[in-house]
Amino acid sequence: MTPEAEVRRLLDQRAIEALLARYARTLDWLDEEGQASCYWPDAAIDYGFFAGTAAEFVPVVMGIERAAVRRWHFLGSLALAFTGDDAAEGECYGLAAGVRAGEDGVLAGTLYGGRYLDRFARRAGEWRIAARRYVLDWMLPLPAQPGDSPAAAFPLPILSVAAGGHPLYRPM
């Protein structure tokens, strides 16, 4: 591989890494337009509970995320293999937490651990997810979570994102 091709490959890998970071952020901040920009609209998506195109999936997943009082996604340990100049396959681990208010008003949730099995495609110079299969490896219940007021003993501000357009959100 020429030095120029190696640099191009590194830039492509970085673009895909940034895409996965955007995927997690746009879910957490309830940015539906940003979330849609992570996929090609015709991408084949399979989450078990949903199988169809990305254009059909984004409203479904955003509805799930909006139902949570708090949500948090982290993707890491990306393994990436380029299958052509404009195509790649990837696998990465994901941690996600969702917190909801129970009937008793207590906030509790679940921590999920799984992996994303992706195909990426570059079209018109832009990398996006072209196919995705999500596989759940494990889940763990989260105990009661703090409400919207910081604890007196450890007064960190608590982020509450109930809808898109939060004043702290910065599209990147």
C-alpha atoms as a PDB file:
ATOM      1  CA  MET A   1       0.000   0.000   0.000  1.00  0.00           C
ATOM      2  CA  THR A   2       1.371   3.420  -0.906  1.00  0.00           C
ATOM      3  CA  PRO A   3       1.832   6.064   1.794  1.00  0.00           C
ATOM      4  CA  GLU A   4      -1.028   8.049   0.203  1.00  0.00           C
ATOM      5  CA  ALA A   5      -3.307   4.992   0.350  1.00  0.00           C
ATOM      6  CA  GLU A   6      -2.337   4.390   3.984  1.00  0.00           C
ATOM      7  CA  VAL A   7      -3.207   7.981   4.889  1.00  0.00           C
ATOM      8  CA  ARG A   8      -6.531   7.663   3.032  1.00  0.00           C
ATOM      9  CA  ARG A   9      -7.275   4.453   4.969  1.00  0.00           C
ATOM     10  CA  LEU A  10      -6.482   6.152   8.294  1.00  0.00           C
ATOM     11  CA  LEU A  11      -8.731   9.083   7.401  1.00  0.00           C
ATOM     12  CA  ASP A  12     -11.519   6.663   6.446  1.00  0.00           C
ATOM     13  CA  GLN A  13     -11.129   4.801   9.731  1.00  0.00           C
ATOM     14  CA  ARG A  14     -11.285   8.072  11.645  1.00  0.00           C
ATOM     15  CA  ALA A  15     -14.445   9.075   9.751  1.00  0.00           C
ATOM     16  CA  ILE A  16     -16.110   5.795  10.732  1.00  0.00           C
ATOM     17  CA  GLU A  17     -15.048   6.240  14.366  1.00  0.00           C
ATOM     18  CA  ALA A  18     -16.556   9.746  14.332  1.00  0.00           C
ATOM     19  CA  LEU A  19     -19.731   8.321  12.808  1.00  0.00           C
ATOM     20  CA  LEU A  20     -20.102   5.860  15.699  1.00  0.00           C
ATOM     21  CA  ALA A  21     -19.514   8.633  18.248  1.00  0.00           C
ATOM     22  CA  ARG A  22     -22.212  10.706  16.507  1.00  0.00           C
ATOM     23  CA  TYR A  23     -24.573   7.724  16.625  1.00  0.00           C
ATOM     24  CA  ALA A  24     -24.257   7.519  20.439  1.00  0.00           C
ATOM     25  CA  ARG A  25     -24.484  11.280  21.009  1.00  0.00           C
ATOM     26  CA  THR A  26     -27.538  11.799  18.833  1.00  0.00           C
ATOM     27  CA  LEU A  27     -29.402   9.034  20.679  1.00  0.00           C
ATOM     28  CA  ASP A  28     -28.554  10.504  24.070  1.00  0.00           C
ATOM     29  CA  TRP A  29     -29.463  14.068  23.114  1.00  0.00           C
ATOM     30  CA  LEU A  30     -32.612  12.977  21.224  1.00  0.00           C
ATOM     31  CA  ASP A  31     -31.375  14.471  17.944  1.00  0.00           C
ATOM     32  CA  GLU A  32     -33.533  12.586  15.437  1.00  0.00           C
ATOM     33  CA  GLU A  33     -32.075  14.332  12.392  1.00  0.00           C
ATOM     34  CA  GLY A  34     -28.540  13.637  13.612  1.00  0.00           C
ATOM     35  CA  GLN A  35     -29.443  10.004  14.279  1.00  0.00           C
ATOM     36  CA  ALA A  36     -30.854   9.616  10.749  1.00  0.00           C
ATOM     37  CA  SER A  37     -27.592  11.035   9.354  1.00  0.00           C
ATOM     38  CA  CYS A  38     -25.700   8.024  10.745  1.00  0.00           C
ATOM     39  CA  TYR A  39     -27.410   5.594   8.347  1.00  0.00           C
ATOM     40  CA  TRP A  40     -28.070   5.391   4.651  1.00  0.00           C
ATOM     41  CA  PRO A  41     -31.900   5.459   4.488  1.00  0.00           C
ATOM     42  CA  ASP A  42     -31.948   2.060   2.744  1.00  0.00           C
ATOM     43  CA  ALA A  43     -29.618   0.444   5.319  1.00  0.00           C
ATOM     44  CA  ALA A  44     -30.792  -2.982   6.491  1.00  0.00           C
ATOM     45  CA  ILE A  45     -31.304  -2.853  10.269  1.00  0.00           C
ATOM     46  CA  ASP A  46     -31.880  -5.866  12.555  1.00  0.00           C
ATOM     47  CA  TYR A  47     -32.235  -5.369  16.299  1.00  0.00           C
ATOM     48  CA  GLY A  48     -34.317  -8.485  16.879  1.00  0.00           C
ATOM     49  CA  PHE A  49     -37.392  -6.512  17.910  1.00  0.00           C
ATOM     50  CA  PHE A  50     -37.090  -4.575  14.631  1.00  0.00           C
ATOM     51  CA  ALA A  51     -36.019  -5.586  11.138  1.00  0.00           C
ATOM     52  CA  GLY A  52     -36.328  -3.154   8.239  1.00  0.00           C
ATOM     53  CA  THR A  53     -34.682  -0.099   6.757  1.00  0.00           C
ATOM     54  CA  ALA A  54     -32.952   2.695   8.639  1.00  0.00           C
ATOM     55  CA  ALA A  55     -35.604   5.147   7.406  1.00  0.00           C
ATOM     56  CA  GLU A  56     -38.194   2.996   9.213  1.00  0.00           C
ATOM     57  CA  PHE A  57     -35.974   2.327  12.228  1.00  0.00           C
ATOM     58  CA  VAL A  58     -34.992   5.846  13.264  1.00  0.00           C
ATOM     59  CA  PRO A  59     -38.506   6.924  14.362  1.00  0.00           C
ATOM     60  CA  VAL A  60     -38.886   3.630  16.278  1.00  0.00           C
ATOM     61  CA  VAL A  61     -35.585   3.895  18.158  1.00  0.00           C
ATOM     62  CA  MET A  62     -36.109   7.590  18.890  1.00  0.00           C
ATOM     63  CA  GLY A  63     -39.529   6.779  20.363  1.00  0.00           C
ATOM     64  CA  ILE A  64     -37.866   4.239  22.650  1.00  0.00           C
ATOM     65  CA  GLU A  65     -35.212   6.753  23.672  1.00  0.00           C
ATOM     66  CA  ARG A  66     -37.776   9.517  24.313  1.00  0.00           C
ATOM     67  CA  ALA A  67     -39.619   7.158  26.698  1.00  0.00           C
ATOM     68  CA  ALA A  68     -36.554   7.063  28.965  1.00  0.00           C
ATOM     69  CA  VAL A  69     -35.970   9.764  31.559  1.00  0.00           C
ATOM     70  CA  ARG A  70     -32.246   9.343  30.995  1.00  0.00           C
ATOM     71  CA  ARG A  71     -30.212   7.458  28.432  1.00  0.00           C
ATOM     72  CA  TRP A  72     -26.504   6.913  27.876  1.00  0.00           C
ATOM     73  CA  HIS A  73     -24.670   5.106  25.061  1.00  0.00           C
ATOM     74  CA  PHE A  74     -21.004   4.287  24.689  1.00  0.00           C
ATOM     75  CA  LEU A  75     -19.390   2.395  21.792  1.00  0.00           C
ATOM     76  CA  GLY A  76     -15.810   1.213  21.821  1.00  0.00           C
ATOM     77  CA  SER A  77     -13.214  -1.336  20.766  1.00  0.00           C
ATOM     78  CA  LEU A  78     -13.978  -0.970  17.080  1.00  0.00           C
ATOM     79  CA  ALA A  79     -12.577  -3.725  14.891  1.00  0.00           C
ATOM     80  CA  LEU A  80     -12.671  -2.572  11.281  1.00  0.00           C
ATOM     81  CA  ALA A  81     -11.879  -4.310   7.989  1.00  0.00           C
ATOM     82  CA  PHE A  82     -12.041  -2.492   4.681  1.00  0.00           C
ATOM     83  CA  THR A  83     -13.604  -4.614   1.954  1.00  0.00           C
ATOM     84  CA  GLY A  84     -13.107  -2.036  -0.787  1.00  0.00           C
ATOM     85  CA  ASP A  85     -12.329   1.631  -1.300  1.00  0.00           C
ATOM     86  CA  ASP A  86     -15.872   2.591  -0.273  1.00  0.00           C
ATOM     87  CA  ALA A  87     -16.886  -0.338   1.924  1.00  0.00           C
ATOM     88  CA  ALA A  88     -15.946  -1.672   5.352  1.00  0.00           C
ATOM     89  CA  GLU A  89     -17.178  -4.113   7.955  1.00  0.00           C
ATOM     90  CA  GLY A  90     -16.993  -3.365  11.635  1.00  0.00           C
ATOM     91  CA  GLU A  91     -17.746  -4.790  15.028  1.00  0.00           C
ATOM     92  CA  CYS A  92     -17.758  -2.804  18.226  1.00  0.00           C
ATOM     93  CA  TYR A  93     -18.948  -3.249  21.761  1.00  0.00           C
ATOM     94  CA  GLY A  94     -21.663  -1.066  23.168  1.00  0.00           C
ATOM     95  CA  LEU A  95     -22.815  -0.149  26.652  1.00  0.00           C
ATOM     96  CA  ALA A  96     -26.173   1.530  27.029  1.00  0.00           C
ATOM     97  CA  ALA A  97     -28.222   2.545  30.027  1.00  0.00           C
ATOM     98  CA  GLY A  98     -31.837   3.567  30.111  1.00  0.00           C
ATOM     99  CA  VAL A  99     -33.607   4.967  33.162  1.00  0.00           C
ATOM    100  CA  ARG A 100     -37.374   5.229  33.514  1.00  0.00           C
ATOM    101  CA  ALA A 101     -39.731   6.286  36.286  1.00  0.00           C
ATOM    102  CA  GLY A 102     -41.660   3.370  37.765  1.00  0.00           C
ATOM    103  CA  GLU A 103     -45.276   3.512  38.875  1.00  0.00           C
ATOM    104  CA  ASP A 104     -43.980   4.458  42.334  1.00  0.00           C
ATOM    105  CA  GLY A 105     -42.071   7.403  40.821  1.00  0.00           C
ATOM    106  CA  VAL A 106     -38.684   5.868  41.630  1.00  0.00           C
ATOM    107  CA  LEU A 107     -36.164   6.139  38.812  1.00  0.00           C
ATOM    108  CA  ALA A 108     -34.537   2.824  37.913  1.00  0.00           C
ATOM    109  CA  GLY A 109     -33.204   1.300  34.756  1.00  0.00           C
ATOM    110  CA  THR A 110     -31.122  -1.257  32.956  1.00  0.00           C
ATOM    111  CA  LEU A 111     -27.531  -1.406  31.772  1.00  0.00           C
ATOM    112  CA  TYR A 112     -27.125  -3.268  28.482  1.00  0.00           C
ATOM    113  CA  GLY A 113     -23.982  -4.761  26.981  1.00  0.00           C
ATOM    114  CA  GLY A 114     -23.938  -5.836  23.380  1.00  0.00           C
ATOM    115  CA  ARG A 115     -22.191  -5.578  20.064  1.00  0.00           C
ATOM    116  CA  TYR A 116     -22.879  -3.840  16.802  1.00  0.00           C
ATOM    117  CA  LEU A 117     -22.129  -5.792  13.637  1.00  0.00           C
ATOM    118  CA  ASP A 118     -21.992  -3.152  10.918  1.00  0.00           C
ATOM    119  CA  ARG A 119     -21.335  -2.659   7.254  1.00  0.00           C
ATOM    120  CA  PHE A 120     -20.290   0.848   6.281  1.00  0.00           C
ATOM    121  CA  ALA A 121     -20.492   2.434   2.842  1.00  0.00           C
ATOM    122  CA  ARG A 122     -19.071   5.652   1.504  1.00  0.00           C
ATOM    123  CA  ARG A 123     -21.354   7.406  -0.970  1.00  0.00           C
ATOM    124  CA  ALA A 124     -20.568  10.804  -2.457  1.00  0.00           C
ATOM    125  CA  GLY A 125     -17.586  11.037  -0.101  1.00  0.00           C
ATOM    126  CA  GLU A 126     -19.558  10.358   3.117  1.00  0.00           C
ATOM    127  CA  TRP A 127     -19.369   7.267   5.339  1.00  0.00           C
ATOM    128  CA  ARG A 128     -22.580   5.967   6.890  1.00  0.00           C
ATOM    129  CA  ILE A 129     -23.941   2.695   8.230  1.00  0.00           C
ATOM    130  CA  ALA A 130     -25.172   0.555   5.316  1.00  0.00           C
ATOM    131  CA  ALA A 131     -26.325  -2.424   7.423  1.00  0.00           C
ATOM    132  CA  ARG A 132     -26.463  -3.120  11.150  1.00  0.00           C
ATOM    133  CA  ARG A 133     -27.224  -6.078  13.349  1.00  0.00           C
ATOM    134  CA  TYR A 134     -27.291  -5.564  17.098  1.00  0.00           C
ATOM    135  CA  VAL A 135     -26.652  -8.511  19.402  1.00  0.00           C
ATOM    136  CA  LEU A 136     -27.373  -8.252  23.138  1.00  0.00           C
ATOM    137  CA  ASP A 137     -24.785 -10.046  25.272  1.00  0.00           C
ATOM    138  CA  TRP A 138     -26.077  -9.207  28.745  1.00  0.00           C
ATOM    139  CA  MET A 139     -28.225  -6.839  30.782  1.00  0.00           C
ATOM    140  CA  LEU A 140     -28.099  -5.750  34.389  1.00  0.00           C
ATOM    141  CA  PRO A 141     -30.762  -3.933  36.415  1.00  0.00           C
ATOM    142  CA  LEU A 142     -29.751  -0.551  37.813  1.00  0.00           C
ATOM    143  CA  PRO A 143     -30.903   0.302  41.348  1.00  0.00           C
ATOM    144  CA  ALA A 144     -32.826   3.437  42.235  1.00  0.00           C
ATOM    145  CA  GLN A 145     -31.297   6.474  40.540  1.00  0.00           C
ATOM    146  CA  PRO A 146     -31.184  10.083  41.782  1.00  0.00           C
ATOM    147  CA  GLY A 147     -33.964  12.435  40.798  1.00  0.00           C
ATOM    148  CA  ASP A 148     -33.334  15.809  39.170  1.00  0.00           C
ATOM    149  CA  SER A 149     -31.916  17.400  42.335  1.00  0.00           C
ATOM    150  CA  PRO A 150     -28.233  16.860  43.144  1.00  0.00           C
ATOM    151  CA  ALA A 151     -27.431  14.908  46.298  1.00  0.00           C
ATOM    152  CA  ALA A 152     -26.253  17.172  49.121  1.00  0.00           C
ATOM    153  CA  ALA A 153     -23.261  14.927  49.856  1.00  0.00           C
ATOM    154  CA  PHE A 154     -22.092  14.905  46.224  1.00  0.00           C
ATOM    155  CA  PRO A 155     -23.729  17.875  44.471  1.00  0.00           C
ATOM    156  CA  LEU A 156     -23.036  17.168  40.808  1.00  0.00           C
ATOM    157  CA  PRO A 157     -25.515  18.633  38.322  1.00  0.00           C
ATOM    158  CA  ILE A 158     -27.872  16.044  36.839  1.00  0.00           C
ATOM    159  CA  LEU A 159     -28.590  16.130  33.124  1.00  0.00           C
ATOM    160  CA  SER A 160     -32.181  15.647  32.069  1.00  0.00           C
ATOM    161  CA  VAL A 161     -32.888  15.509  28.329  1.00  0.00           C
ATOM    162  CA  ALA A 162     -36.631  15.131  27.800  1.00  0.00           C
ATOM    163  CA  ALA A 163     -36.769  16.278  24.170  1.00  0.00           C
ATOM    164  CA  GLY A 164     -34.504  17.274  21.319  1.00  0.00           C
ATOM    165  CA  GLY A 165     -33.090  20.795  21.312  1.00  0.00           C
ATOM    166  CA  HIS A 166     -31.585  20.775  24.836  1.00  0.00           C
ATOM    167  CA  PRO A 167     -29.686  24.041  25.473  1.00  0.00           C
ATOM    168  CA  LEU A 168     -26.443  22.169  26.308  1.00  0.00           C
ATOM    169  CA  TYR A 169     -26.482  20.128  23.074  1.00  0.00           C
ATOM    170  CA  ARG A 170     -23.945  21.161  20.453  1.00  0.00           C
ATOM    171  CA  PRO A 171     -24.278  19.503  17.034  1.00  0.00           C
ATOM    172  CA  MET A 172     -20.839  18.284  15.966  1.00  0.00           C
END
